[in-house]
Amino acid sequence: MGKCNLDHSVEDVQQKFNSQSQWLPEDIRSLFHEFLVRNPSQTTLNEMFHLLKKYDLVDEQERKERDRKIKWLILNKEETNN
């Protein structure tokens, strides 16, 4: 995945998730809301956006790697931005 210099909002990430959710595993879909309500950092939002971007077009091996990273981001209890 290439690096992007744009910051992605919570709304951007939610829209990207919505567009890719039919291809995501059920466990990721069911936990995704938890990720957004924790007020993730800008860096984490950007990372999640790029993991979701074109998810439907990647091969099985790349999906498994992205799934692992997405789950880590969802389950990682980072400090929130207050």
PDB file of N, CA and C in Angstrom:
ATOM      1  N   MET A   1       0.834  -1.177   0.000  1.00  0.00           N
ATOM      2  CA  MET A   1       0.000   0.000   0.000  1.00  0.00           C
ATOM      3  C   MET A   1       0.878   1.240   0.000  1.00  0.00           C
ATOM      4  N   GLY A   2       0.541   2.192  -0.836  1.00  0.00           N
ATOM      5  CA  GLY A   2       1.268   3.443  -0.878  1.00  0.00           C
ATOM      6  C   GLY A   2       0.836   4.360   0.254  1.00  0.00           C
ATOM      7  N   LYS A   3       1.708   5.287   0.580  1.00  0.00           N
ATOM      8  CA  LYS A   3       1.396   6.256   1.629  1.00  0.00           C
ATOM      9  C   LYS A   3       0.605   7.404   1.026  1.00  0.00           C
ATOM     10  N   CYS A   4      -0.307   7.946   1.823  1.00  0.00           N
ATOM     11  CA  CYS A   4      -1.147   9.055   1.410  1.00  0.00           C
ATOM     12  C   CYS A   4      -0.962  10.171   2.429  1.00  0.00           C
ATOM     13  N   ASN A   5      -0.878  11.389   1.961  1.00  0.00           N
ATOM     14  CA  ASN A   5      -0.686  12.518   2.862  1.00  0.00           C
ATOM     15  C   ASN A   5      -1.993  13.157   3.320  1.00  0.00           C
ATOM     16  N   LEU A   6      -3.125  12.611   2.904  1.00  0.00           N
ATOM     17  CA  LEU A   6      -4.413  13.147   3.313  1.00  0.00           C
ATOM     18  C   LEU A   6      -4.825  12.579   4.661  1.00  0.00           C
ATOM     19  N   ASP A   7      -5.435  13.429   5.479  1.00  0.00           N
ATOM     20  CA  ASP A   7      -6.028  12.940   6.715  1.00  0.00           C
ATOM     21  C   ASP A   7      -7.479  12.573   6.419  1.00  0.00           C
ATOM     22  N   HIS A   8      -7.885  11.426   6.911  1.00  0.00           N
ATOM     23  CA  HIS A   8      -9.234  10.927   6.680  1.00  0.00           C
ATOM     24  C   HIS A   8     -10.055  11.080   7.950  1.00  0.00           C
ATOM     25  N   SER A   9     -11.253  11.611   7.806  1.00  0.00           N
ATOM     26  CA  SER A   9     -12.147  11.834   8.937  1.00  0.00           C
ATOM     27  C   SER A   9     -12.822  10.522   9.354  1.00  0.00           C
ATOM     28  N   VAL A  10     -13.470  10.578  10.503  1.00  0.00           N
ATOM     29  CA  VAL A  10     -14.275   9.436  10.957  1.00  0.00           C
ATOM     30  C   VAL A  10     -15.324   9.116   9.899  1.00  0.00           C
ATOM     31  N   GLU A  11     -15.910  10.150   9.313  1.00  0.00           N
ATOM     32  CA  GLU A  11     -16.930   9.945   8.278  1.00  0.00           C
ATOM     33  C   GLU A  11     -16.342   9.260   7.047  1.00  0.00           C
ATOM     34  N   ASP A  12     -15.124   9.648   6.660  1.00  0.00           N
ATOM     35  CA  ASP A  12     -14.449   8.994   5.525  1.00  0.00           C
ATOM     36  C   ASP A  12     -14.256   7.509   5.801  1.00  0.00           C
ATOM     37  N   VAL A  13     -13.792   7.209   7.003  1.00  0.00           N
ATOM     38  CA  VAL A  13     -13.527   5.812   7.381  1.00  0.00           C
ATOM     39  C   VAL A  13     -14.842   5.033   7.424  1.00  0.00           C
ATOM     40  N   GLN A  14     -15.890   5.641   7.976  1.00  0.00           N
ATOM     41  CA  GLN A  14     -17.193   4.977   8.025  1.00  0.00           C
ATOM     42  C   GLN A  14     -17.715   4.695   6.618  1.00  0.00           C
ATOM     43  N   GLN A  15     -17.585   5.658   5.727  1.00  0.00           N
ATOM     44  CA  GLN A  15     -18.035   5.458   4.347  1.00  0.00           C
ATOM     45  C   GLN A  15     -17.235   4.366   3.650  1.00  0.00           C
ATOM     46  N   LYS A  16     -15.931   4.350   3.873  1.00  0.00           N
ATOM     47  CA  LYS A  16     -15.089   3.312   3.255  1.00  0.00           C
ATOM     48  C   LYS A  16     -15.477   1.945   3.816  1.00  0.00           C
ATOM     49  N   PHE A  17     -15.697   1.869   5.125  1.00  0.00           N
ATOM     50  CA  PHE A  17     -16.146   0.620   5.739  1.00  0.00           C
ATOM     51  C   PHE A  17     -17.468   0.170   5.118  1.00  0.00           C
ATOM     52  N   ASN A  18     -18.419   1.096   4.990  1.00  0.00           N
ATOM     53  CA  ASN A  18     -19.726   0.750   4.420  1.00  0.00           C
ATOM     54  C   ASN A  18     -19.590   0.206   3.005  1.00  0.00           C
ATOM     55  N   SER A  19     -18.695   0.783   2.222  1.00  0.00           N
ATOM     56  CA  SER A  19     -18.538   0.345   0.835  1.00  0.00           C
ATOM     57  C   SER A  19     -17.826  -1.006   0.716  1.00  0.00           C
ATOM     58  N   GLN A  20     -17.077  -1.378   1.733  1.00  0.00           N
ATOM     59  CA  GLN A  20     -16.305  -2.627   1.687  1.00  0.00           C
ATOM     60  C   GLN A  20     -16.854  -3.714   2.617  1.00  0.00           C
ATOM     61  N   SER A  21     -17.828  -3.387   3.435  1.00  0.00           N
ATOM     62  CA  SER A  21     -18.256  -4.302   4.496  1.00  0.00           C
ATOM     63  C   SER A  21     -18.732  -5.663   4.002  1.00  0.00           C
ATOM     64  N   GLN A  22     -19.326  -5.719   2.817  1.00  0.00           N
ATOM     65  CA  GLN A  22     -19.813  -7.019   2.344  1.00  0.00           C
ATOM     66  C   GLN A  22     -18.681  -8.015   2.105  1.00  0.00           C
ATOM     67  N   TRP A  23     -17.450  -7.541   1.958  1.00  0.00           N
ATOM     68  CA  TRP A  23     -16.307  -8.429   1.740  1.00  0.00           C
ATOM     69  C   TRP A  23     -15.528  -8.722   3.019  1.00  0.00           C
ATOM     70  N   LEU A  24     -15.851  -8.000   4.085  1.00  0.00           N
ATOM     71  CA  LEU A  24     -15.122  -8.174   5.345  1.00  0.00           C
ATOM     72  C   LEU A  24     -15.681  -9.341   6.142  1.00  0.00           C
ATOM     73  N   PRO A  25     -14.817 -10.003   6.926  1.00  0.00           N
ATOM     74  CA  PRO A  25     -15.305 -11.080   7.798  1.00  0.00           C
ATOM     75  C   PRO A  25     -16.299 -10.546   8.836  1.00  0.00           C
ATOM     76  N   GLU A  26     -17.204 -11.384   9.254  1.00  0.00           N
ATOM     77  CA  GLU A  26     -18.249 -11.007  10.208  1.00  0.00           C
ATOM     78  C   GLU A  26     -17.674 -10.440  11.503  1.00  0.00           C
ATOM     79  N   ASP A  27     -16.599 -11.023  12.022  1.00  0.00           N
ATOM     80  CA  ASP A  27     -16.059 -10.537  13.295  1.00  0.00           C
ATOM     81  C   ASP A  27     -15.570  -9.095  13.176  1.00  0.00           C
ATOM     82  N   ILE A  28     -15.022  -8.733  12.043  1.00  0.00           N
ATOM     83  CA  ILE A  28     -14.597  -7.347  11.833  1.00  0.00           C
ATOM     84  C   ILE A  28     -15.823  -6.450  11.709  1.00  0.00           C
ATOM     85  N   ARG A  29     -16.802  -6.862  10.957  1.00  0.00           N
ATOM     86  CA  ARG A  29     -18.021  -6.048  10.796  1.00  0.00           C
ATOM     87  C   ARG A  29     -18.702  -5.796  12.136  1.00  0.00           C
ATOM     88  N   SER A  30     -18.757  -6.821  12.963  1.00  0.00           N
ATOM     89  CA  SER A  30     -19.476  -6.676  14.233  1.00  0.00           C
ATOM     90  C   SER A  30     -18.733  -5.805  15.248  1.00  0.00           C
ATOM     91  N   LEU A  31     -17.422  -5.665  15.105  1.00  0.00           N
ATOM     92  CA  LEU A  31     -16.634  -4.878  16.054  1.00  0.00           C
ATOM     93  C   LEU A  31     -16.309  -3.469  15.560  1.00  0.00           C
ATOM     94  N   PHE A  32     -16.606  -3.184  14.325  1.00  0.00           N
ATOM     95  CA  PHE A  32     -16.132  -1.931  13.739  1.00  0.00           C
ATOM     96  C   PHE A  32     -16.675  -0.697  14.449  1.00  0.00           C
ATOM     97  N   HIS A  33     -17.931  -0.714  14.844  1.00  0.00           N
ATOM     98  CA  HIS A  33     -18.511   0.440  15.530  1.00  0.00           C
ATOM     99  C   HIS A  33     -17.727   0.767  16.801  1.00  0.00           C
ATOM    100  N   GLU A  34     -17.282  -0.267  17.504  1.00  0.00           N
ATOM    101  CA  GLU A  34     -16.487  -0.073  18.721  1.00  0.00           C
ATOM    102  C   GLU A  34     -15.226   0.750  18.413  1.00  0.00           C
ATOM    103  N   PHE A  35     -14.627   0.491  17.284  1.00  0.00           N
ATOM    104  CA  PHE A  35     -13.433   1.229  16.871  1.00  0.00           C
ATOM    105  C   PHE A  35     -13.750   2.721  16.720  1.00  0.00           C
ATOM    106  N   LEU A  36     -14.823   3.050  16.054  1.00  0.00           N
ATOM    107  CA  LEU A  36     -15.147   4.457  15.788  1.00  0.00           C
ATOM    108  C   LEU A  36     -15.546   5.221  17.041  1.00  0.00           C
ATOM    109  N   VAL A  37     -16.240   4.596  17.953  1.00  0.00           N
ATOM    110  CA  VAL A  37     -16.697   5.310  19.153  1.00  0.00           C
ATOM    111  C   VAL A  37     -15.563   5.594  20.134  1.00  0.00           C
ATOM    112  N   ARG A  38     -14.421   4.961  19.949  1.00  0.00           N
ATOM    113  CA  ARG A  38     -13.270   5.210  20.837  1.00  0.00           C
ATOM    114  C   ARG A  38     -12.503   6.471  20.455  1.00  0.00           C
ATOM    115  N   ASN A  39     -12.956   7.188  19.438  1.00  0.00           N
ATOM    116  CA  ASN A  39     -12.291   8.412  18.999  1.00  0.00           C
ATOM    117  C   ASN A  39     -10.826   8.143  18.667  1.00  0.00           C
ATOM    118  N   PRO A  40     -10.567   7.321  17.663  1.00  0.00           N
ATOM    119  CA  PRO A  40      -9.181   6.959  17.318  1.00  0.00           C
ATOM    120  C   PRO A  40      -8.369   8.165  16.852  1.00  0.00           C
ATOM    121  N   SER A  41      -7.075   8.071  17.016  1.00  0.00           N
ATOM    122  CA  SER A  41      -6.175   9.141  16.584  1.00  0.00           C
ATOM    123  C   SER A  41      -6.242   9.304  15.068  1.00  0.00           C
ATOM    124  N   GLN A  42      -5.751  10.435  14.601  1.00  0.00           N
ATOM    125  CA  GLN A  42      -5.726  10.696  13.158  1.00  0.00           C
ATOM    126  C   GLN A  42      -4.887   9.652  12.440  1.00  0.00           C
ATOM    127  N   THR A  43      -3.761   9.280  13.015  1.00  0.00           N
ATOM    128  CA  THR A  43      -2.887   8.264  12.415  1.00  0.00           C
ATOM    129  C   THR A  43      -3.628   6.941  12.274  1.00  0.00           C
ATOM    130  N   THR A  44      -4.376   6.570  13.292  1.00  0.00           N
ATOM    131  CA  THR A  44      -5.121   5.312  13.269  1.00  0.00           C
ATOM    132  C   THR A  44      -6.259   5.366  12.257  1.00  0.00           C
ATOM    133  N   LEU A  45      -6.948   6.489  12.186  1.00  0.00           N
ATOM    134  CA  LEU A  45      -7.997   6.640  11.172  1.00  0.00           C
ATOM    135  C   LEU A  45      -7.421   6.492   9.771  1.00  0.00           C
ATOM    136  N   ASN A  46      -6.304   7.134   9.527  1.00  0.00           N
ATOM    137  CA  ASN A  46      -5.672   7.042   8.210  1.00  0.00           C
ATOM    138  C   ASN A  46      -5.275   5.610   7.888  1.00  0.00           C
ATOM    139  N   GLU A  47      -4.707   4.926   8.878  1.00  0.00           N
ATOM    140  CA  GLU A  47      -4.295   3.540   8.660  1.00  0.00           C
ATOM    141  C   GLU A  47      -5.502   2.653   8.354  1.00  0.00           C
ATOM    142  N   MET A  48      -6.577   2.831   9.117  1.00  0.00           N
ATOM    143  CA  MET A  48      -7.775   2.026   8.885  1.00  0.00           C
ATOM    144  C   MET A  48      -8.347   2.301   7.498  1.00  0.00           C
ATOM    145  N   PHE A  49      -8.395   3.556   7.108  1.00  0.00           N
ATOM    146  CA  PHE A  49      -8.918   3.910   5.788  1.00  0.00           C
ATOM    147  C   PHE A  49      -8.154   3.161   4.700  1.00  0.00           C
ATOM    148  N   HIS A  50      -6.843   3.151   4.800  1.00  0.00           N
ATOM    149  CA  HIS A  50      -6.038   2.529   3.744  1.00  0.00           C
ATOM    150  C   HIS A  50      -6.082   1.003   3.788  1.00  0.00           C
ATOM    151  N   LEU A  51      -6.344   0.430   4.952  1.00  0.00           N
ATOM    152  CA  LEU A  51      -6.550  -1.021   5.022  1.00  0.00           C
ATOM    153  C   LEU A  51      -7.874  -1.408   4.360  1.00  0.00           C
ATOM    154  N   LEU A  52      -8.864  -0.550   4.492  1.00  0.00           N
ATOM    155  CA  LEU A  52     -10.171  -0.823   3.890  1.00  0.00           C
ATOM    156  C   LEU A  52     -10.213  -0.493   2.397  1.00  0.00           C
ATOM    157  N   LYS A  53      -9.376   0.442   1.988  1.00  0.00           N
ATOM    158  CA  LYS A  53      -9.394   0.897   0.596  1.00  0.00           C
ATOM    159  C   LYS A  53      -9.092  -0.253  -0.359  1.00  0.00           C
ATOM    160  N   LYS A  54      -9.973  -0.448  -1.324  1.00  0.00           N
ATOM    161  CA  LYS A  54      -9.845  -1.492  -2.354  1.00  0.00           C
ATOM    162  C   LYS A  54      -9.696  -2.903  -1.765  1.00  0.00           C
ATOM    163  N   TYR A  55     -10.246  -3.088  -0.566  1.00  0.00           N
ATOM    164  CA  TYR A  55     -10.211  -4.399   0.086  1.00  0.00           C
ATOM    165  C   TYR A  55     -10.795  -5.470  -0.829  1.00  0.00           C
ATOM    166  N   ASP A  56     -11.855  -5.130  -1.530  1.00  0.00           N
ATOM    167  CA  ASP A  56     -12.542  -6.091  -2.397  1.00  0.00           C
ATOM    168  C   ASP A  56     -11.689  -6.534  -3.586  1.00  0.00           C
ATOM    169  N   LEU A  57     -10.636  -5.793  -3.897  1.00  0.00           N
ATOM    170  CA  LEU A  57      -9.824  -6.102  -5.081  1.00  0.00           C
ATOM    171  C   LEU A  57      -8.544  -6.875  -4.778  1.00  0.00           C
ATOM    172  N   VAL A  58      -8.192  -7.033  -3.503  1.00  0.00           N
ATOM    173  CA  VAL A  58      -6.924  -7.689  -3.171  1.00  0.00           C
ATOM    174  C   VAL A  58      -7.087  -9.208  -3.140  1.00  0.00           C
ATOM    175  N   ASP A  59      -5.963  -9.909  -3.289  1.00  0.00           N
ATOM    176  CA  ASP A  59      -6.005 -11.377  -3.263  1.00  0.00           C
ATOM    177  C   ASP A  59      -6.170 -11.891  -1.826  1.00  0.00           C
ATOM    178  N   GLU A  60      -6.397 -13.178  -1.711  1.00  0.00           N
ATOM    179  CA  GLU A  60      -6.698 -13.801  -0.415  1.00  0.00           C
ATOM    180  C   GLU A  60      -5.576 -13.595   0.606  1.00  0.00           C
ATOM    181  N   GLN A  61      -4.350 -13.718   0.183  1.00  0.00           N
ATOM    182  CA  GLN A  61      -3.221 -13.533   1.104  1.00  0.00           C
ATOM    183  C   GLN A  61      -3.183 -12.098   1.636  1.00  0.00           C
ATOM    184  N   GLU A  62      -3.381 -11.130   0.758  1.00  0.00           N
ATOM    185  CA  GLU A  62      -3.403  -9.723   1.175  1.00  0.00           C
ATOM    186  C   GLU A  62      -4.595  -9.458   2.091  1.00  0.00           C
ATOM    187  N   ARG A  63      -5.736 -10.080   1.824  1.00  0.00           N
ATOM    188  CA  ARG A  63      -6.908  -9.914   2.697  1.00  0.00           C
ATOM    189  C   ARG A  63      -6.618 -10.412   4.102  1.00  0.00           C
ATOM    190  N   LYS A  64      -5.979 -11.565   4.194  1.00  0.00           N
ATOM    191  CA  LYS A  64      -5.666 -12.114   5.516  1.00  0.00           C
ATOM    192  C   LYS A  64      -4.753 -11.177   6.293  1.00  0.00           C
ATOM    193  N   GLU A  65      -3.782 -10.600   5.616  1.00  0.00           N
ATOM    194  CA  GLU A  65      -2.878  -9.657   6.270  1.00  0.00           C
ATOM    195  C   GLU A  65      -3.642  -8.395   6.690  1.00  0.00           C
ATOM    196  N   ARG A  66      -4.494  -7.886   5.815  1.00  0.00           N
ATOM    197  CA  ARG A  66      -5.295  -6.714   6.169  1.00  0.00           C
ATOM    198  C   ARG A  66      -6.255  -7.028   7.303  1.00  0.00           C
ATOM    199  N   ASP A  67      -6.864  -8.214   7.274  1.00  0.00           N
ATOM    200  CA  ASP A  67      -7.771  -8.607   8.361  1.00  0.00           C
ATOM    201  C   ASP A  67      -7.036  -8.581   9.700  1.00  0.00           C
ATOM    202  N   ARG A  68      -5.828  -9.116   9.703  1.00  0.00           N
ATOM    203  CA  ARG A  68      -5.037  -9.148  10.937  1.00  0.00           C
ATOM    204  C   ARG A  68      -4.780  -7.722  11.436  1.00  0.00           C
ATOM    205  N   LYS A  69      -4.402  -6.820  10.547  1.00  0.00           N
ATOM    206  CA  LYS A  69      -4.110  -5.439  10.926  1.00  0.00           C
ATOM    207  C   LYS A  69      -5.379  -4.691  11.352  1.00  0.00           C
ATOM    208  N   ILE A  70      -6.473  -4.924  10.649  1.00  0.00           N
ATOM    209  CA  ILE A  70      -7.743  -4.282  11.003  1.00  0.00           C
ATOM    210  C   ILE A  70      -8.179  -4.727  12.394  1.00  0.00           C
ATOM    211  N   LYS A  71      -8.108  -6.023  12.659  1.00  0.00           N
ATOM    212  CA  LYS A  71      -8.496  -6.529  13.980  1.00  0.00           C
ATOM    213  C   LYS A  71      -7.619  -5.917  15.066  1.00  0.00           C
ATOM    214  N   TRP A  72      -6.330  -5.787  14.787  1.00  0.00           N
ATOM    215  CA  TRP A  72      -5.433  -5.191  15.777  1.00  0.00           C
ATOM    216  C   TRP A  72      -5.856  -3.750  16.056  1.00  0.00           C
ATOM    217  N   LEU A  73      -6.159  -2.988  15.004  1.00  0.00           N
ATOM    218  CA  LEU A  73      -6.591  -1.599  15.201  1.00  0.00           C
ATOM    219  C   LEU A  73      -7.903  -1.527  15.979  1.00  0.00           C
ATOM    220  N   ILE A  74      -8.830  -2.424  15.692  1.00  0.00           N
ATOM    221  CA  ILE A  74     -10.119  -2.425  16.381  1.00  0.00           C
ATOM    222  C   ILE A  74      -9.954  -2.778  17.847  1.00  0.00           C
ATOM    223  N   LEU A  75      -9.133  -3.761  18.126  1.00  0.00           N
ATOM    224  CA  LEU A  75      -9.008  -4.263  19.494  1.00  0.00           C
ATOM    225  C   LEU A  75      -7.968  -3.525  20.328  1.00  0.00           C
ATOM    226  N   ASN A  76      -7.122  -2.757  19.674  1.00  0.00           N
ATOM    227  CA  ASN A  76      -6.108  -1.987  20.382  1.00  0.00           C
ATOM    228  C   ASN A  76      -6.801  -0.858  21.131  1.00  0.00           C
ATOM    229  N   LYS A  77      -6.625  -0.813  22.421  1.00  0.00           N
ATOM    230  CA  LYS A  77      -7.295   0.184  23.259  1.00  0.00           C
ATOM    231  C   LYS A  77      -6.415   1.415  23.406  1.00  0.00           C
ATOM    232  N   GLU A  78      -6.212   2.108  22.291  1.00  0.00           N
ATOM    233  CA  GLU A  78      -5.354   3.299  22.323  1.00  0.00           C
ATOM    234  C   GLU A  78      -6.018   4.421  23.108  1.00  0.00           C
ATOM    235  N   GLU A  79      -5.188   5.352  23.514  1.00  0.00           N
ATOM    236  CA  GLU A  79      -5.713   6.554  24.176  1.00  0.00           C
ATOM    237  C   GLU A  79      -6.550   7.328  23.172  1.00  0.00           C
ATOM    238  N   THR A  80      -7.589   7.958  23.650  1.00  0.00           N
ATOM    239  CA  THR A  80      -8.434   8.742  22.768  1.00  0.00           C
ATOM    240  C   THR A  80      -7.950  10.183  22.687  1.00  0.00           C
ATOM    241  N   ASN A  81      -8.372  10.867  21.659  1.00  0.00           N
ATOM    242  CA  ASN A  81      -8.077  12.301  21.506  1.00  0.00           C
ATOM    243  C   ASN A  81      -9.157  13.073  22.235  1.00  0.00           C
ATOM    244  N   ASN A  82      -8.821  13.751  23.266  1.00  0.00           N
ATOM    245  CA  ASN A  82      -9.819  14.542  24.018  1.00  0.00           C
ATOM    246  C   ASN A  82      -9.566  16.007  23.869  1.00  0.00           C
TER     247      ASN A  82
END
